[in-house]
Amino acid sequence: MLKIEATEGPNGRSRLRLEGRLIGPWVAELRRACEPVVASRRPLVLDLSEVVFVDAAGLDLLCALGQRGVALDCSGFVAEQLRARGCR
């Protein structure tokens, strides 16, 4: 299960706070949540501090989003997985 909570920061920066596991169908759900903000070129931050597991498809999506300018606020666990894939 993955919980996605959208908030707007005082500086106009959109923030998505994720909680749970970024796996399977939740990867597509996160892609759908991010795409309108990324396409509009507004700043976006993904708060991944409460994500406990990310599968390969989730890591691919996070890498792609990072390359598109999305800021990834990661726990040490997720940051290490991204580093191992060469994304950080």
Protein backbone atom coordinates (compact mmCIF):
# COMPACT_ATOMS: atom_id res chain seq x y z
CA MET A 1 0.00 0.00 0.00
CA LEU A 2 1.13 3.53 -0.75
CA LYS A 3 -0.35 6.74 0.62
CA ILE A 4 0.23 9.89 -1.45
CA GLU A 5 -0.58 13.22 0.16
CA ALA A 6 -0.31 16.42 -1.90
CA THR A 7 0.50 19.75 -0.31
CA GLU A 8 1.44 23.16 -1.60
CA GLY A 9 4.36 24.94 0.01
CA PRO A 10 4.36 28.68 0.77
CA ASN A 11 6.85 29.22 -2.06
CA GLY A 12 4.51 27.66 -4.65
CA ARG A 13 6.43 24.41 -4.66
CA SER A 14 4.26 21.31 -4.86
CA ARG A 15 5.09 18.50 -2.47
CA LEU A 16 3.96 14.89 -2.53
CA ARG A 17 4.45 13.00 0.72
CA LEU A 18 4.61 9.23 0.25
CA GLU A 19 4.13 6.63 2.93
CA GLY A 20 4.41 2.86 2.51
CA ARG A 21 5.71 0.73 -0.35
CA LEU A 22 6.38 2.01 -3.87
CA ILE A 23 5.69 -1.21 -5.77
CA GLY A 24 3.55 -2.64 -8.57
CA PRO A 25 0.43 -0.59 -9.31
CA TRP A 26 1.50 2.18 -6.94
CA VAL A 27 4.35 3.08 -9.31
CA ALA A 28 1.83 3.98 -12.02
CA GLU A 29 -0.26 5.87 -9.45
CA LEU A 30 2.76 7.97 -8.46
CA ARG A 31 3.54 8.62 -12.14
CA ARG A 32 -0.03 9.89 -12.64
CA ALA A 33 0.23 12.11 -9.56
CA CYS A 34 3.54 13.65 -10.68
CA GLU A 35 2.99 14.11 -14.39
CA PRO A 36 0.73 17.21 -14.35
CA VAL A 37 3.13 19.09 -12.07
CA VAL A 38 6.25 18.02 -13.98
CA ALA A 39 4.63 18.83 -17.34
CA SER A 40 3.74 22.31 -16.11
CA ARG A 41 7.40 22.84 -15.10
CA ARG A 42 6.40 23.81 -11.55
CA PRO A 43 8.83 22.75 -8.83
CA LEU A 44 8.00 19.41 -7.23
CA VAL A 45 9.40 17.70 -4.15
CA LEU A 46 8.78 14.04 -3.35
CA ASP A 47 9.00 13.38 0.37
CA LEU A 48 10.08 9.73 0.52
CA SER A 49 11.08 9.73 4.18
CA GLU A 50 8.24 7.32 5.11
CA VAL A 51 8.75 4.92 2.18
CA VAL A 52 9.82 1.51 3.49
CA PHE A 53 10.40 -0.35 0.20
CA VAL A 54 10.84 0.47 -3.49
CA ASP A 55 10.81 -2.17 -6.25
CA ALA A 56 12.81 -1.96 -9.49
CA ALA A 57 10.02 -0.17 -11.39
CA GLY A 58 9.69 2.33 -8.55
CA LEU A 59 13.42 3.02 -8.59
CA ASP A 60 13.29 3.52 -12.38
CA LEU A 61 10.48 6.05 -11.95
CA LEU A 62 12.30 7.91 -9.17
CA CYS A 63 15.46 8.07 -11.29
CA ALA A 64 13.49 9.40 -14.27
CA LEU A 65 11.72 12.00 -12.12
CA GLY A 66 15.03 13.10 -10.61
CA GLN A 67 16.44 13.56 -14.10
CA ARG A 68 13.44 15.75 -14.92
CA GLY A 69 14.20 18.06 -11.99
CA VAL A 70 11.98 16.61 -9.27
CA ALA A 71 13.63 16.95 -5.86
CA LEU A 72 13.78 13.63 -3.99
CA ASP A 73 13.76 14.01 -0.21
CA CYS A 74 14.77 10.45 0.71
CA SER A 75 15.33 8.34 3.75
CA GLY A 76 18.79 6.80 3.95
CA PHE A 77 17.33 3.49 2.76
CA VAL A 78 15.85 4.90 -0.45
CA ALA A 79 18.85 7.15 -1.08
CA GLU A 80 21.17 4.13 -0.91
CA GLN A 81 19.00 2.20 -3.38
CA LEU A 82 19.11 5.15 -5.79
CA ARG A 83 22.88 5.47 -5.38
CA ALA A 84 23.29 1.76 -6.14
CA ARG A 85 21.41 2.31 -9.42
CA GLY A 86 23.56 5.33 -10.29
CA CYS A 87 20.73 7.81 -9.84
CA ARG A 88 22.29 10.00 -7.14
